[in-house]
Amino acid sequence: MPHKPFKAVIPAAGLGTRFLPATKAMPKEMLPVVDKPAIQYVVEEAVNSGIQDVLIIIGRNKNNIANHFDSVPELESTLERKGDVDRLAQVQYSSDLADIHMVRQGEPRGLGHAVWRAKAHVGDHPFAVLLGDDLIDERDPLLPKMLGEYDKHNATVIALMEVDPAQIHLYGAAAVEPTDDPDVVRVTGLVEKPTAEEAPSNLAVIGRYVLPPEVFEILERTQAGQGRRDPADRCSAGARGRPGRRGVRRRVPRAALRHRR
């Protein structure tokens, strides 16, 4: 039976401490990349993958994000009177980009908690989680490929990227088995920030997931203090009887709005 349409969840409630002092008053998701704030690229990625319903998880002092995707009648009227049709189109584009919703995460409590905050909005739809730290080149069909794998296997799908083994300790590493598709692997385990010697592979988990709605039941059962555990790991650990996780390899070099330490 076909599943309900995909929704997208973008966690954006973090404090952005790695970018201080730039993020003291400006959310890191609103930092410009060329001529657009970073988070607009992430929303566009979801829309270009066929997802129109987007939920952004924001925190205190992040109202700029909501304002960016809202209409600004005064500005639009001024641009219209001036005949500045190009800038008017740019302003209206971000307002009309998708059906965008906001929900607050009262305090930063990790990725798992941020995803759990999306439960009421997502309901029983499968959904993609897109982390704003990672900007995916629009030439790379990563998310559409991940959605397609979910359609085929009804299983959690994780984005993976090959990294230098000397850098794997900065990421979560995936233990994998090959499939018939060179861009897709079967994920048998995840290890958080292993040493090069302990890492099961040099395939690092990056900020794109496609998850079933059952993940919310598992997130609710998670013990306090485990808020940073990978939601895809939790989902697979708890969803007995479901097919195994899939991983889709990232092929085009990415841009990242984070400092790895």
C-alpha atoms as a PDB file:
ATOM      1  CA  MET A   1       0.000   0.000   0.000  1.00  0.00           C
ATOM      2  CA  PRO A   2       1.504   3.400  -0.919  1.00  0.00           C
ATOM      3  CA  HIS A   3       2.583   5.502   2.040  1.00  0.00           C
ATOM      4  CA  LYS A   4       1.425   9.054   2.663  1.00  0.00           C
ATOM      5  CA  PRO A   5       3.405  11.944   1.097  1.00  0.00           C
ATOM      6  CA  PHE A   6       6.785  12.774   2.573  1.00  0.00           C
ATOM      7  CA  LYS A   7       7.204  15.748   4.864  1.00  0.00           C
ATOM      8  CA  ALA A   8      10.487  17.506   5.699  1.00  0.00           C
ATOM      9  CA  VAL A   9      11.844  18.436   9.131  1.00  0.00           C
ATOM     10  CA  ILE A  10      14.717  20.922   9.461  1.00  0.00           C
ATOM     11  CA  PRO A  11      16.175  21.193  12.998  1.00  0.00           C
ATOM     12  CA  ALA A  12      17.421  24.772  13.476  1.00  0.00           C
ATOM     13  CA  ALA A  13      17.297  25.343  17.232  1.00  0.00           C
ATOM     14  CA  GLY A  14      21.022  25.064  18.011  1.00  0.00           C
ATOM     15  CA  LEU A  15      22.934  27.928  19.568  1.00  0.00           C
ATOM     16  CA  GLY A  16      25.574  28.144  16.840  1.00  0.00           C
ATOM     17  CA  THR A  17      28.382  28.559  19.365  1.00  0.00           C
ATOM     18  CA  ARG A  18      31.041  27.453  16.861  1.00  0.00           C
ATOM     19  CA  PHE A  19      30.339  30.589  14.845  1.00  0.00           C
ATOM     20  CA  LEU A  20      30.470  33.151  17.651  1.00  0.00           C
ATOM     21  CA  PRO A  21      30.560  36.116  17.633  1.00  0.00           C
ATOM     22  CA  ALA A  22      28.767  36.102  14.247  1.00  0.00           C
ATOM     23  CA  THR A  23      25.860  34.138  15.731  1.00  0.00           C
ATOM     24  CA  LYS A  24      25.437  36.213  18.884  1.00  0.00           C
ATOM     25  CA  ALA A  25      22.444  37.997  17.334  1.00  0.00           C
ATOM     26  CA  MET A  26      22.104  36.203  13.973  1.00  0.00           C
ATOM     27  CA  PRO A  27      21.073  32.529  13.728  1.00  0.00           C
ATOM     28  CA  LYS A  28      23.747  30.527  11.928  1.00  0.00           C
ATOM     29  CA  GLU A  29      21.047  29.253   9.580  1.00  0.00           C
ATOM     30  CA  MET A  30      20.570  32.848   8.409  1.00  0.00           C
ATOM     31  CA  LEU A  31      24.237  33.423   7.593  1.00  0.00           C
ATOM     32  CA  PRO A  32      24.466  34.324   3.895  1.00  0.00           C
ATOM     33  CA  VAL A  33      25.930  31.918   1.361  1.00  0.00           C
ATOM     34  CA  VAL A  34      26.445  34.066  -1.738  1.00  0.00           C
ATOM     35  CA  ASP A  35      23.066  35.836  -1.952  1.00  0.00           C
ATOM     36  CA  LYS A  36      20.760  33.679   0.185  1.00  0.00           C
ATOM     37  CA  PRO A  37      20.689  32.543   3.812  1.00  0.00           C
ATOM     38  CA  ALA A  38      21.919  28.999   4.305  1.00  0.00           C
ATOM     39  CA  ILE A  39      18.559  27.635   5.404  1.00  0.00           C
ATOM     40  CA  GLN A  40      16.894  28.680   2.141  1.00  0.00           C
ATOM     41  CA  TYR A  41      19.179  26.288   0.258  1.00  0.00           C
ATOM     42  CA  VAL A  42      18.011  23.483   2.563  1.00  0.00           C
ATOM     43  CA  VAL A  43      14.326  24.283   2.017  1.00  0.00           C
ATOM     44  CA  GLU A  44      14.931  24.475  -1.738  1.00  0.00           C
ATOM     45  CA  GLU A  45      16.551  21.040  -1.623  1.00  0.00           C
ATOM     46  CA  ALA A  46      13.412  19.590  -0.030  1.00  0.00           C
ATOM     47  CA  VAL A  47      11.146  21.342  -2.539  1.00  0.00           C
ATOM     48  CA  ASN A  48      13.264  20.237  -5.508  1.00  0.00           C
ATOM     49  CA  SER A  49      12.920  16.670  -4.204  1.00  0.00           C
ATOM     50  CA  GLY A  50       9.137  16.917  -4.366  1.00  0.00           C
ATOM     51  CA  ILE A  51       8.401  17.797  -0.725  1.00  0.00           C
ATOM     52  CA  GLN A  52       6.109  20.779  -0.189  1.00  0.00           C
ATOM     53  CA  ASP A  53       5.334  20.449   3.550  1.00  0.00           C
ATOM     54  CA  VAL A  54       8.327  21.694   5.555  1.00  0.00           C
ATOM     55  CA  LEU A  55       8.610  22.037   9.347  1.00  0.00           C
ATOM     56  CA  ILE A  56      11.493  24.054  10.813  1.00  0.00           C
ATOM     57  CA  ILE A  57      12.388  23.480  14.483  1.00  0.00           C
ATOM     58  CA  ILE A  58      13.529  26.812  15.901  1.00  0.00           C
ATOM     59  CA  GLY A  59      14.724  28.024  19.295  1.00  0.00           C
ATOM     60  CA  ARG A  60      14.621  31.266  21.196  1.00  0.00           C
ATOM     61  CA  ASN A  61      16.001  34.286  19.342  1.00  0.00           C
ATOM     62  CA  LYS A  62      15.485  32.587  15.960  1.00  0.00           C
ATOM     63  CA  ASN A  63      12.464  34.530  14.791  1.00  0.00           C
ATOM     64  CA  ASN A  64      14.564  35.809  11.875  1.00  0.00           C
ATOM     65  CA  ILE A  65      14.106  32.390  10.276  1.00  0.00           C
ATOM     66  CA  ALA A  66      10.318  32.633  10.427  1.00  0.00           C
ATOM     67  CA  ASN A  67      10.442  36.223   9.191  1.00  0.00           C
ATOM     68  CA  HIS A  68      12.547  35.256   6.175  1.00  0.00           C
ATOM     69  CA  PHE A  69       9.893  32.868   4.885  1.00  0.00           C
ATOM     70  CA  ASP A  70       7.000  35.213   5.678  1.00  0.00           C
ATOM     71  CA  SER A  71       5.611  37.900   3.395  1.00  0.00           C
ATOM     72  CA  VAL A  72       6.637  41.531   3.942  1.00  0.00           C
ATOM     73  CA  PRO A  73       3.844  43.660   2.439  1.00  0.00           C
ATOM     74  CA  GLU A  74       5.557  46.988   3.099  1.00  0.00           C
ATOM     75  CA  LEU A  75       8.754  45.926   1.350  1.00  0.00           C
ATOM     76  CA  GLU A  76       6.864  44.332  -1.523  1.00  0.00           C
ATOM     77  CA  SER A  77       4.771  47.478  -2.031  1.00  0.00           C
ATOM     78  CA  THR A  78       7.897  49.659  -2.062  1.00  0.00           C
ATOM     79  CA  LEU A  79       9.610  47.457  -4.643  1.00  0.00           C
ATOM     80  CA  GLU A  80       6.464  47.358  -6.760  1.00  0.00           C
ATOM     81  CA  ARG A  81       6.164  51.174  -6.763  1.00  0.00           C
ATOM     82  CA  LYS A  82       9.793  51.447  -7.818  1.00  0.00           C
ATOM     83  CA  GLY A  83       9.259  48.957 -10.605  1.00  0.00           C
ATOM     84  CA  ASP A  84      12.035  46.763  -9.185  1.00  0.00           C
ATOM     85  CA  VAL A  85      10.522  43.543 -10.493  1.00  0.00           C
ATOM     86  CA  ASP A  86      13.667  41.424 -10.061  1.00  0.00           C
ATOM     87  CA  ARG A  87      14.067  42.120  -6.347  1.00  0.00           C
ATOM     88  CA  LEU A  88      10.311  41.845  -5.842  1.00  0.00           C
ATOM     89  CA  ALA A  89      10.386  38.371  -7.387  1.00  0.00           C
ATOM     90  CA  GLN A  90      13.271  37.349  -5.116  1.00  0.00           C
ATOM     91  CA  VAL A  91      11.436  38.535  -2.003  1.00  0.00           C
ATOM     92  CA  GLN A  92       8.222  36.792  -2.967  1.00  0.00           C
ATOM     93  CA  TYR A  93      10.032  33.612  -3.970  1.00  0.00           C
ATOM     94  CA  SER A  94      11.115  32.767  -0.417  1.00  0.00           C
ATOM     95  CA  SER A  95       7.585  33.443   0.876  1.00  0.00           C
ATOM     96  CA  ASP A  96       5.979  31.151  -1.714  1.00  0.00           C
ATOM     97  CA  LEU A  97       8.685  28.484  -1.754  1.00  0.00           C
ATOM     98  CA  ALA A  98       6.789  25.832   0.233  1.00  0.00           C
ATOM     99  CA  ASP A  99       4.154  25.263   2.894  1.00  0.00           C
ATOM    100  CA  ILE A 100       6.476  26.165   5.769  1.00  0.00           C
ATOM    101  CA  HIS A 101       5.655  25.694   9.453  1.00  0.00           C
ATOM    102  CA  MET A 102       7.578  26.492  12.638  1.00  0.00           C
ATOM    103  CA  VAL A 103       7.669  24.837  16.056  1.00  0.00           C
ATOM    104  CA  ARG A 104       9.897  25.713  19.000  1.00  0.00           C
ATOM    105  CA  GLN A 105      12.315  23.543  20.886  1.00  0.00           C
ATOM    106  CA  GLY A 106      12.392  25.251  24.284  1.00  0.00           C
ATOM    107  CA  GLU A 107      16.066  24.524  24.845  1.00  0.00           C
ATOM    108  CA  PRO A 108      18.715  22.740  22.777  1.00  0.00           C
ATOM    109  CA  ARG A 109      18.505  19.109  23.898  1.00  0.00           C
ATOM    110  CA  GLY A 110      20.069  17.353  20.966  1.00  0.00           C
ATOM    111  CA  LEU A 111      18.981  16.116  17.573  1.00  0.00           C
ATOM    112  CA  GLY A 112      16.768  13.327  18.853  1.00  0.00           C
ATOM    113  CA  HIS A 113      14.678  15.714  20.939  1.00  0.00           C
ATOM    114  CA  ALA A 114      14.438  18.215  18.076  1.00  0.00           C
ATOM    115  CA  VAL A 115      13.107  15.494  15.759  1.00  0.00           C
ATOM    116  CA  TRP A 116      10.647  14.358  18.451  1.00  0.00           C
ATOM    117  CA  ARG A 117       9.230  17.906  18.546  1.00  0.00           C
ATOM    118  CA  ALA A 118       8.002  17.301  14.990  1.00  0.00           C
ATOM    119  CA  LYS A 119       5.703  14.438  16.033  1.00  0.00           C
ATOM    120  CA  ALA A 120       2.392  16.337  16.051  1.00  0.00           C
ATOM    121  CA  HIS A 121       3.057  17.893  12.658  1.00  0.00           C
ATOM    122  CA  VAL A 122       4.436  14.827  10.894  1.00  0.00           C
ATOM    123  CA  GLY A 123       1.774  12.428  12.188  1.00  0.00           C
ATOM    124  CA  ASP A 124       1.873   9.137  10.297  1.00  0.00           C
ATOM    125  CA  HIS A 125       3.794  10.432   7.287  1.00  0.00           C
ATOM    126  CA  PRO A 126       7.338   9.307   6.453  1.00  0.00           C
ATOM    127  CA  PHE A 127       9.672  12.265   6.602  1.00  0.00           C
ATOM    128  CA  ALA A 128      13.093  13.566   5.671  1.00  0.00           C
ATOM    129  CA  VAL A 129      15.339  15.233   8.239  1.00  0.00           C
ATOM    130  CA  LEU A 130      17.663  17.836   6.732  1.00  0.00           C
ATOM    131  CA  LEU A 131      20.323  19.381   8.952  1.00  0.00           C
ATOM    132  CA  GLY A 132      21.129  22.968   8.066  1.00  0.00           C
ATOM    133  CA  ASP A 133      24.818  22.417   8.810  1.00  0.00           C
ATOM    134  CA  ASP A 134      25.209  20.516   5.550  1.00  0.00           C
ATOM    135  CA  LEU A 135      24.515  22.183   2.217  1.00  0.00           C
ATOM    136  CA  ILE A 136      24.077  19.719  -0.633  1.00  0.00           C
ATOM    137  CA  ASP A 137      25.032  20.758  -4.150  1.00  0.00           C
ATOM    138  CA  GLU A 138      21.877  21.045  -6.252  1.00  0.00           C
ATOM    139  CA  ARG A 139      23.579  18.934  -8.924  1.00  0.00           C
ATOM    140  CA  ASP A 140      23.604  15.970  -6.537  1.00  0.00           C
ATOM    141  CA  PRO A 141      20.306  14.009  -6.509  1.00  0.00           C
ATOM    142  CA  LEU A 142      21.033  12.758  -2.994  1.00  0.00           C
ATOM    143  CA  LEU A 143      17.671  13.372  -1.346  1.00  0.00           C
ATOM    144  CA  PRO A 144      15.561  12.142  -4.308  1.00  0.00           C
ATOM    145  CA  LYS A 145      17.674   8.965  -4.311  1.00  0.00           C
ATOM    146  CA  MET A 146      17.068   8.543  -0.564  1.00  0.00           C
ATOM    147  CA  LEU A 147      13.323   9.012  -0.973  1.00  0.00           C
ATOM    148  CA  GLY A 148      13.351   6.440  -3.756  1.00  0.00           C
ATOM    149  CA  GLU A 149      15.152   3.926  -1.540  1.00  0.00           C
ATOM    150  CA  TYR A 150      12.554   4.452   1.176  1.00  0.00           C
ATOM    151  CA  ASP A 151       9.813   3.847  -1.391  1.00  0.00           C
ATOM    152  CA  LYS A 152      11.436   0.570  -2.436  1.00  0.00           C
ATOM    153  CA  HIS A 153      12.318  -0.835   0.989  1.00  0.00           C
ATOM    154  CA  ASN A 154      10.116   0.996   3.524  1.00  0.00           C
ATOM    155  CA  ALA A 155      13.235   1.387   5.661  1.00  0.00           C
ATOM    156  CA  THR A 156      15.278   4.134   7.276  1.00  0.00           C
ATOM    157  CA  VAL A 157      17.713   5.721   4.804  1.00  0.00           C
ATOM    158  CA  ILE A 158      20.881   7.573   5.845  1.00  0.00           C
ATOM    159  CA  ALA A 159      23.170   9.813   3.798  1.00  0.00           C
ATOM    160  CA  LEU A 160      26.804   8.729   3.823  1.00  0.00           C
ATOM    161  CA  MET A 161      30.005  10.319   2.589  1.00  0.00           C
ATOM    162  CA  GLU A 162      33.483   8.875   2.189  1.00  0.00           C
ATOM    163  CA  VAL A 163      36.043  10.695   4.327  1.00  0.00           C
ATOM    164  CA  ASP A 164      39.741  10.353   4.984  1.00  0.00           C
ATOM    165  CA  PRO A 165      40.128   7.626   7.657  1.00  0.00           C
ATOM    166  CA  ALA A 166      42.158  10.128   9.678  1.00  0.00           C
ATOM    167  CA  GLN A 167      39.013  12.305   9.891  1.00  0.00           C
ATOM    168  CA  ILE A 168      36.444   9.612  10.719  1.00  0.00           C
ATOM    169  CA  HIS A 169      36.683  10.369  14.452  1.00  0.00           C
ATOM    170  CA  LEU A 170      34.831  13.617  13.728  1.00  0.00           C
ATOM    171  CA  TYR A 171      31.735  11.768  12.474  1.00  0.00           C
ATOM    172  CA  GLY A 172      29.484   8.829  13.053  1.00  0.00           C
ATOM    173  CA  ALA A 173      30.761   5.885  11.012  1.00  0.00           C
ATOM    174  CA  ALA A 174      28.593   3.252   9.329  1.00  0.00           C
ATOM    175  CA  ALA A 175      29.192  -0.483   9.120  1.00  0.00           C
ATOM    176  CA  VAL A 176      27.895  -1.488   5.702  1.00  0.00           C
ATOM    177  CA  GLU A 177      27.319  -4.308   3.251  1.00  0.00           C
ATOM    178  CA  PRO A 178      27.195  -3.805  -0.538  1.00  0.00           C
ATOM    179  CA  THR A 179      24.037  -3.964  -2.640  1.00  0.00           C
ATOM    180  CA  ASP A 180      23.496  -4.248  -6.385  1.00  0.00           C
ATOM    181  CA  ASP A 181      23.563  -0.430  -6.605  1.00  0.00           C
ATOM    182  CA  PRO A 182      27.080   1.047  -6.138  1.00  0.00           C
ATOM    183  CA  ASP A 183      25.543   4.198  -4.616  1.00  0.00           C
ATOM    184  CA  VAL A 184      23.506   2.278  -2.037  1.00  0.00           C
ATOM    185  CA  VAL A 185      24.684   0.132   0.867  1.00  0.00           C
ATOM    186  CA  ARG A 186      22.948  -1.876   3.566  1.00  0.00           C
ATOM    187  CA  VAL A 187      23.759  -0.298   6.961  1.00  0.00           C
ATOM    188  CA  THR A 188      24.335  -2.889   9.678  1.00  0.00           C
ATOM    189  CA  GLY A 189      25.569  -0.587  12.443  1.00  0.00           C
ATOM    190  CA  LEU A 190      26.591   2.927  13.443  1.00  0.00           C
ATOM    191  CA  VAL A 191      29.514   3.933  15.644  1.00  0.00           C
ATOM    192  CA  GLU A 192      29.673   7.484  16.988  1.00  0.00           C
ATOM    193  CA  LYS A 193      33.050   9.227  16.488  1.00  0.00           C
ATOM    194  CA  PRO A 194      35.279   6.136  16.474  1.00  0.00           C
ATOM    195  CA  THR A 195      39.035   6.170  16.227  1.00  0.00           C
ATOM    196  CA  ALA A 196      40.458   5.258  12.831  1.00  0.00           C
ATOM    197  CA  GLU A 197      41.305   1.804  14.219  1.00  0.00           C
ATOM    198  CA  GLU A 198      37.791   1.235  15.610  1.00  0.00           C
ATOM    199  CA  ALA A 199      35.859   2.607  12.645  1.00  0.00           C
ATOM    200  CA  PRO A 200      33.919  -0.058  10.705  1.00  0.00           C
ATOM    201  CA  SER A 201      34.412   1.952   7.486  1.00  0.00           C
ATOM    202  CA  ASN A 202      35.327   5.414   6.250  1.00  0.00           C
ATOM    203  CA  LEU A 203      31.678   6.126   5.390  1.00  0.00           C
ATOM    204  CA  ALA A 204      30.563   9.027   7.564  1.00  0.00           C
ATOM    205  CA  VAL A 205      26.962   9.867   8.414  1.00  0.00           C
ATOM    206  CA  ILE A 206      26.000  13.342   7.196  1.00  0.00           C
ATOM    207  CA  GLY A 207      22.931  15.426   7.834  1.00  0.00           C
ATOM    208  CA  ARG A 208      20.233  13.794   5.715  1.00  0.00           C
ATOM    209  CA  TYR A 209      17.862  11.058   6.910  1.00  0.00           C
ATOM    210  CA  VAL A 210      14.582   9.576   5.699  1.00  0.00           C
ATOM    211  CA  LEU A 211      12.631   8.071   8.583  1.00  0.00           C
ATOM    212  CA  PRO A 212       9.366   6.218   9.163  1.00  0.00           C
ATOM    213  CA  PRO A 213       6.814   7.746  11.547  1.00  0.00           C
ATOM    214  CA  GLU A 214       7.437   4.904  14.014  1.00  0.00           C
ATOM    215  CA  VAL A 215      10.620   6.702  15.037  1.00  0.00           C
ATOM    216  CA  PHE A 216       8.578   8.950  17.321  1.00  0.00           C
ATOM    217  CA  GLU A 217       7.518   6.028  19.533  1.00  0.00           C
ATOM    218  CA  ILE A 218      11.169   5.081  19.923  1.00  0.00           C
ATOM    219  CA  LEU A 219      12.250   8.645  20.632  1.00  0.00           C
ATOM    220  CA  GLU A 220       9.637   8.866  23.397  1.00  0.00           C
ATOM    221  CA  ARG A 221      11.063   5.761  25.059  1.00  0.00           C
ATOM    222  CA  THR A 222      14.603   7.112  24.973  1.00  0.00           C
ATOM    223  CA  GLN A 223      16.019   7.643  28.436  1.00  0.00           C
ATOM    224  CA  ALA A 224      16.888  11.189  29.583  1.00  0.00           C
ATOM    225  CA  GLY A 225      20.433  12.218  28.776  1.00  0.00           C
ATOM    226  CA  GLN A 226      20.534  10.475  25.397  1.00  0.00           C
ATOM    227  CA  GLY A 227      19.193  13.415  23.428  1.00  0.00           C
ATOM    228  CA  ARG A 228      22.166  13.546  21.084  1.00  0.00           C
ATOM    229  CA  ARG A 229      21.948   9.931  19.973  1.00  0.00           C
ATOM    230  CA  ASP A 230      21.379   9.564  16.238  1.00  0.00           C
ATOM    231  CA  PRO A 231      17.623   9.285  15.523  1.00  0.00           C
ATOM    232  CA  ALA A 232      18.258   6.846  12.678  1.00  0.00           C
ATOM    233  CA  ASP A 233      20.169   4.621  15.116  1.00  0.00           C
ATOM    234  CA  ARG A 234      17.296   4.751  17.591  1.00  0.00           C
ATOM    235  CA  CYS A 235      14.758   3.979  14.914  1.00  0.00           C
ATOM    236  CA  SER A 236      16.567   0.897  13.699  1.00  0.00           C
ATOM    237  CA  ALA A 237      17.278  -0.318  17.211  1.00  0.00           C
ATOM    238  CA  GLY A 238      13.614  -0.192  18.148  1.00  0.00           C
ATOM    239  CA  ALA A 239      11.719  -1.011  14.969  1.00  0.00           C
ATOM    240  CA  ARG A 240      11.948  -4.796  15.061  1.00  0.00           C
ATOM    241  CA  GLY A 241      10.554  -6.586  12.058  1.00  0.00           C
ATOM    242  CA  ARG A 242      11.235  -3.722   9.641  1.00  0.00           C
ATOM    243  CA  PRO A 243      13.753  -4.070   6.814  1.00  0.00           C
ATOM    244  CA  GLY A 244      17.319  -2.992   7.490  1.00  0.00           C
ATOM    245  CA  ARG A 245      18.610   0.528   7.019  1.00  0.00           C
ATOM    246  CA  ARG A 246      19.939   1.719   3.702  1.00  0.00           C
ATOM    247  CA  GLY A 247      22.720   4.214   3.123  1.00  0.00           C
ATOM    248  CA  VAL A 248      23.067   6.414   0.041  1.00  0.00           C
ATOM    249  CA  ARG A 249      26.531   7.653  -0.843  1.00  0.00           C
ATOM    250  CA  ARG A 250      27.137  11.365  -1.293  1.00  0.00           C
ATOM    251  CA  ARG A 251      28.968  11.865  -4.597  1.00  0.00           C
ATOM    252  CA  VAL A 252      29.360  15.622  -5.204  1.00  0.00           C
ATOM    253  CA  PRO A 253      31.602  17.442  -2.675  1.00  0.00           C
ATOM    254  CA  ARG A 254      29.436  19.236  -0.125  1.00  0.00           C
ATOM    255  CA  ALA A 255      29.620  22.577   1.597  1.00  0.00           C
ATOM    256  CA  ALA A 256      29.395  22.497   5.382  1.00  0.00           C
ATOM    257  CA  LEU A 257      28.385  25.195   7.808  1.00  0.00           C
ATOM    258  CA  ARG A 258      30.224  23.661  10.701  1.00  0.00           C
ATOM    259  CA  HIS A 259      33.698  23.470  12.182  1.00  0.00           C
ATOM    260  CA  ARG A 260      34.725  19.884  12.809  1.00  0.00           C
ATOM    261  CA  ARG A 261      36.781  19.377  15.932  1.00  0.00           C
END
